[in-house]
Amino acid sequence: MASFVRFCAVLAAAVVGLSLLLFTLDESSSGSENQVRSVAGSSRLATNTELGRPAPSPAIERAREARHSKVREYLDDANDVLVAPFASFIDSSSVWFERMVTAALGLLLYGLGGLMAANWLPASGRKSQDWRTAP
């Protein structure tokens, strides 16, 4: 049981971390575009900023599905489910702040907390014995 909990903890932490990494890559590649739009006085920021919010609304979710690949969308959907408890009480105008805080809380809870829970579970019943002792 401990190995299953450990596997789930590592998988959840990997999903949260990989989603944050891909968000960072998207934002860094579109950073100059966002700056040009903000200097030009555009009333709307680039869609990457809106699409990057954790656990977005259904309208933004549909736009994100159209823009990302299927694999990326599965990863983002899994991340949305994992960080939804944290995203509901974090309200900021900065998408970077929201993503960093939700990712940090997700990594702490699922990664560190899951691994600690796995270590607290009892060990398996198999014990190695010396060949000289009776079973």
C-alpha atoms as a PDB file:
ATOM      1  CA  MET A   1       0.000   0.000   0.000  1.00  0.00           C
ATOM      2  CA  ALA A   2       2.853   2.376   0.816  1.00  0.00           C
ATOM      3  CA  SER A   3       4.351   1.963  -2.635  1.00  0.00           C
ATOM      4  CA  PHE A   4       0.990   2.781  -4.256  1.00  0.00           C
ATOM      5  CA  VAL A   5       0.611   5.938  -2.147  1.00  0.00           C
ATOM      6  CA  ARG A   6       4.199   6.889  -2.959  1.00  0.00           C
ATOM      7  CA  PHE A   7       3.560   6.375  -6.693  1.00  0.00           C
ATOM      8  CA  CYS A   8       0.399   8.509  -6.565  1.00  0.00           C
ATOM      9  CA  ALA A   9       2.214  11.266  -4.661  1.00  0.00           C
ATOM     10  CA  VAL A  10       5.056  11.361  -7.173  1.00  0.00           C
ATOM     11  CA  LEU A  11       2.607  11.308 -10.099  1.00  0.00           C
ATOM     12  CA  ALA A  12       0.522  14.168  -8.669  1.00  0.00           C
ATOM     13  CA  ALA A  13       3.615  16.245  -7.916  1.00  0.00           C
ATOM     14  CA  ALA A  14       4.933  15.576 -11.428  1.00  0.00           C
ATOM     15  CA  VAL A  15       1.651  16.736 -12.989  1.00  0.00           C
ATOM     16  CA  VAL A  16       1.641  19.959 -10.956  1.00  0.00           C
ATOM     17  CA  GLY A  17       5.319  20.636 -11.638  1.00  0.00           C
ATOM     18  CA  LEU A  18       5.127  19.861 -15.361  1.00  0.00           C
ATOM     19  CA  SER A  19       2.034  22.012 -15.778  1.00  0.00           C
ATOM     20  CA  LEU A  20       3.828  24.905 -14.080  1.00  0.00           C
ATOM     21  CA  LEU A  21       6.861  24.389 -16.313  1.00  0.00           C
ATOM     22  CA  LEU A  22       4.745  24.406 -19.484  1.00  0.00           C
ATOM     23  CA  PHE A  23       2.890  27.505 -18.286  1.00  0.00           C
ATOM     24  CA  THR A  24       6.236  29.214 -17.680  1.00  0.00           C
ATOM     25  CA  LEU A  25       7.408  28.325 -21.182  1.00  0.00           C
ATOM     26  CA  ASP A  26       4.176  29.637 -22.730  1.00  0.00           C
ATOM     27  CA  GLU A  27       4.345  32.878 -20.799  1.00  0.00           C
ATOM     28  CA  SER A  28       8.008  33.491 -21.522  1.00  0.00           C
ATOM     29  CA  SER A  29       7.499  32.951 -25.241  1.00  0.00           C
ATOM     30  CA  SER A  30       4.587  35.381 -25.332  1.00  0.00           C
ATOM     31  CA  GLY A  31       6.079  37.931 -22.924  1.00  0.00           C
ATOM     32  CA  SER A  32       7.093  40.422 -25.576  1.00  0.00           C
ATOM     33  CA  GLU A  33       3.650  40.188 -27.183  1.00  0.00           C
ATOM     34  CA  ASN A  34       2.023  41.008 -23.842  1.00  0.00           C
ATOM     35  CA  GLN A  35       4.340  43.982 -23.362  1.00  0.00           C
ATOM     36  CA  VAL A  36       3.545  45.369 -26.813  1.00  0.00           C
ATOM     37  CA  ARG A  37      -0.179  45.058 -26.156  1.00  0.00           C
ATOM     38  CA  SER A  38       0.058  46.742 -22.763  1.00  0.00           C
ATOM     39  CA  VAL A  39       2.175  49.624 -24.124  1.00  0.00           C
ATOM     40  CA  ALA A  40      -0.150  50.062 -27.085  1.00  0.00           C
ATOM     41  CA  GLY A  41      -3.037  50.430 -24.650  1.00  0.00           C
ATOM     42  CA  SER A  42      -4.928  47.349 -25.690  1.00  0.00           C
ATOM     43  CA  SER A  43      -7.859  46.792 -23.389  1.00  0.00           C
ATOM     44  CA  ARG A  44      -7.325  43.046 -23.454  1.00  0.00           C
ATOM     45  CA  LEU A  45      -4.189  41.136 -22.522  1.00  0.00           C
ATOM     46  CA  ALA A  46      -2.914  38.220 -24.546  1.00  0.00           C
ATOM     47  CA  THR A  47      -4.967  35.085 -24.337  1.00  0.00           C
ATOM     48  CA  ASN A  48      -2.028  33.155 -22.878  1.00  0.00           C
ATOM     49  CA  THR A  49      -2.441  35.104 -19.652  1.00  0.00           C
ATOM     50  CA  GLU A  50      -6.125  34.274 -19.442  1.00  0.00           C
ATOM     51  CA  LEU A  51      -5.549  30.660 -20.417  1.00  0.00           C
ATOM     52  CA  GLY A  52      -2.876  30.265 -17.768  1.00  0.00           C
ATOM     53  CA  ARG A  53      -5.156  30.726 -14.778  1.00  0.00           C
ATOM     54  CA  PRO A  54      -5.468  27.620 -12.607  1.00  0.00           C
ATOM     55  CA  ALA A  55      -8.929  26.007 -12.686  1.00  0.00           C
ATOM     56  CA  PRO A  56     -10.394  28.478 -15.237  1.00  0.00           C
ATOM     57  CA  SER A  57     -14.018  29.177 -16.045  1.00  0.00           C
ATOM     58  CA  PRO A  58     -15.759  27.009 -18.676  1.00  0.00           C
ATOM     59  CA  ALA A  59     -15.423  29.662 -21.396  1.00  0.00           C
ATOM     60  CA  ILE A  60     -11.670  29.994 -20.888  1.00  0.00           C
ATOM     61  CA  GLU A  61     -11.404  26.211 -20.639  1.00  0.00           C
ATOM     62  CA  ARG A  62     -12.937  25.842 -24.117  1.00  0.00           C
ATOM     63  CA  ALA A  63     -10.523  28.417 -25.544  1.00  0.00           C
ATOM     64  CA  ARG A  64      -7.620  26.614 -23.897  1.00  0.00           C
ATOM     65  CA  GLU A  65      -8.768  23.284 -25.349  1.00  0.00           C
ATOM     66  CA  ALA A  66      -8.757  24.798 -28.838  1.00  0.00           C
ATOM     67  CA  ARG A  67      -5.258  26.199 -28.427  1.00  0.00           C
ATOM     68  CA  HIS A  68      -3.411  23.334 -26.706  1.00  0.00           C
ATOM     69  CA  SER A  69      -2.736  19.800 -27.899  1.00  0.00           C
ATOM     70  CA  LYS A  70      -4.692  16.858 -26.462  1.00  0.00           C
ATOM     71  CA  VAL A  71      -1.788  15.699 -24.292  1.00  0.00           C
ATOM     72  CA  ARG A  72      -1.238  19.205 -22.961  1.00  0.00           C
ATOM     73  CA  GLU A  73      -4.941  19.594 -22.290  1.00  0.00           C
ATOM     74  CA  TYR A  74      -5.053  16.307 -20.337  1.00  0.00           C
ATOM     75  CA  LEU A  75      -2.126  17.547 -18.274  1.00  0.00           C
ATOM     76  CA  ASP A  76      -3.777  20.921 -17.682  1.00  0.00           C
ATOM     77  CA  ASP A  77      -7.080  19.260 -16.761  1.00  0.00           C
ATOM     78  CA  ALA A  78      -5.335  17.008 -14.252  1.00  0.00           C
ATOM     79  CA  ASN A  79      -3.561  20.053 -12.826  1.00  0.00           C
ATOM     80  CA  ASP A  80      -6.868  21.926 -12.603  1.00  0.00           C
ATOM     81  CA  VAL A  81      -8.369  19.093 -10.557  1.00  0.00           C
ATOM     82  CA  LEU A  82      -5.357  18.912  -8.257  1.00  0.00           C
ATOM     83  CA  VAL A  83      -5.067  22.654  -7.567  1.00  0.00           C
ATOM     84  CA  ALA A  84      -8.797  23.499  -7.554  1.00  0.00           C
ATOM     85  CA  PRO A  85      -8.978  23.543  -3.728  1.00  0.00           C
ATOM     86  CA  PHE A  86      -6.228  26.165  -3.613  1.00  0.00           C
ATOM     87  CA  ALA A  87      -7.318  28.207  -6.634  1.00  0.00           C
ATOM     88  CA  SER A  88     -10.717  28.885  -5.118  1.00  0.00           C
ATOM     89  CA  PHE A  89      -9.325  31.040  -2.294  1.00  0.00           C
ATOM     90  CA  ILE A  90      -6.442  32.698  -4.166  1.00  0.00           C
ATOM     91  CA  ASP A  91      -7.689  35.757  -6.006  1.00  0.00           C
ATOM     92  CA  SER A  92      -5.064  37.929  -7.627  1.00  0.00           C
ATOM     93  CA  SER A  93      -4.743  40.066 -10.717  1.00  0.00           C
ATOM     94  CA  SER A  94      -1.410  38.366 -11.443  1.00  0.00           C
ATOM     95  CA  VAL A  95      -1.658  34.998 -13.152  1.00  0.00           C
ATOM     96  CA  TRP A  96       1.962  34.335 -12.165  1.00  0.00           C
ATOM     97  CA  PHE A  97       1.129  34.724  -8.486  1.00  0.00           C
ATOM     98  CA  GLU A  98      -1.866  32.412  -8.787  1.00  0.00           C
ATOM     99  CA  ARG A  99       0.103  29.736 -10.633  1.00  0.00           C
ATOM    100  CA  MET A 100       3.127  29.892  -8.337  1.00  0.00           C
ATOM    101  CA  VAL A 101       1.103  29.749  -5.117  1.00  0.00           C
ATOM    102  CA  THR A 102      -1.210  26.961  -6.303  1.00  0.00           C
ATOM    103  CA  ALA A 103       1.759  24.971  -7.615  1.00  0.00           C
ATOM    104  CA  ALA A 104       3.703  25.431  -4.381  1.00  0.00           C
ATOM    105  CA  LEU A 105       0.721  24.349  -2.290  1.00  0.00           C
ATOM    106  CA  GLY A 106       0.078  21.407  -4.612  1.00  0.00           C
ATOM    107  CA  LEU A 107       3.688  20.265  -4.470  1.00  0.00           C
ATOM    108  CA  LEU A 108       3.708  20.555  -0.683  1.00  0.00           C
ATOM    109  CA  LEU A 109       0.432  18.728  -0.184  1.00  0.00           C
ATOM    110  CA  TYR A 110       0.665  16.051  -2.862  1.00  0.00           C
ATOM    111  CA  GLY A 111       4.411  15.642  -3.133  1.00  0.00           C
ATOM    112  CA  LEU A 112       5.758  16.097   0.365  1.00  0.00           C
ATOM    113  CA  GLY A 113       2.541  15.212   2.184  1.00  0.00           C
ATOM    114  CA  GLY A 114       1.934  12.133   0.057  1.00  0.00           C
ATOM    115  CA  LEU A 115       5.470  10.861   0.545  1.00  0.00           C
ATOM    116  CA  MET A 116       5.247  11.443   4.285  1.00  0.00           C
ATOM    117  CA  ALA A 117       1.937   9.572   4.402  1.00  0.00           C
ATOM    118  CA  ALA A 118       3.508   6.691   2.493  1.00  0.00           C
ATOM    119  CA  ASN A 119       6.357   6.557   5.003  1.00  0.00           C
ATOM    120  CA  TRP A 120       3.907   6.421   7.915  1.00  0.00           C
ATOM    121  CA  LEU A 121       2.099   3.409   6.510  1.00  0.00           C
ATOM    122  CA  PRO A 122       3.227   0.071   7.913  1.00  0.00           C
ATOM    123  CA  ALA A 123       5.825  -1.868   5.954  1.00  0.00           C
ATOM    124  CA  SER A 124       4.914  -4.999   4.026  1.00  0.00           C
ATOM    125  CA  GLY A 125       4.722  -8.333   5.844  1.00  0.00           C
ATOM    126  CA  ARG A 126       7.676  -9.929   4.046  1.00  0.00           C
ATOM    127  CA  LYS A 127      10.831 -10.026   6.087  1.00  0.00           C
ATOM    128  CA  SER A 128      14.080 -11.553   5.042  1.00  0.00           C
ATOM    129  CA  GLN A 129      15.369 -14.169   7.408  1.00  0.00           C
ATOM    130  CA  ASP A 130      18.704 -15.759   7.826  1.00  0.00           C
ATOM    131  CA  TRP A 131      18.912 -19.294   6.423  1.00  0.00           C
ATOM    132  CA  ARG A 132      19.911 -20.616   9.852  1.00  0.00           C
ATOM    133  CA  THR A 133      16.742 -19.534  11.624  1.00  0.00           C
ATOM    134  CA  ALA A 134      13.509 -21.509  11.605  1.00  0.00           C
ATOM    135  CA  PRO A 135      10.597 -19.983   9.712  1.00  0.00           C
END
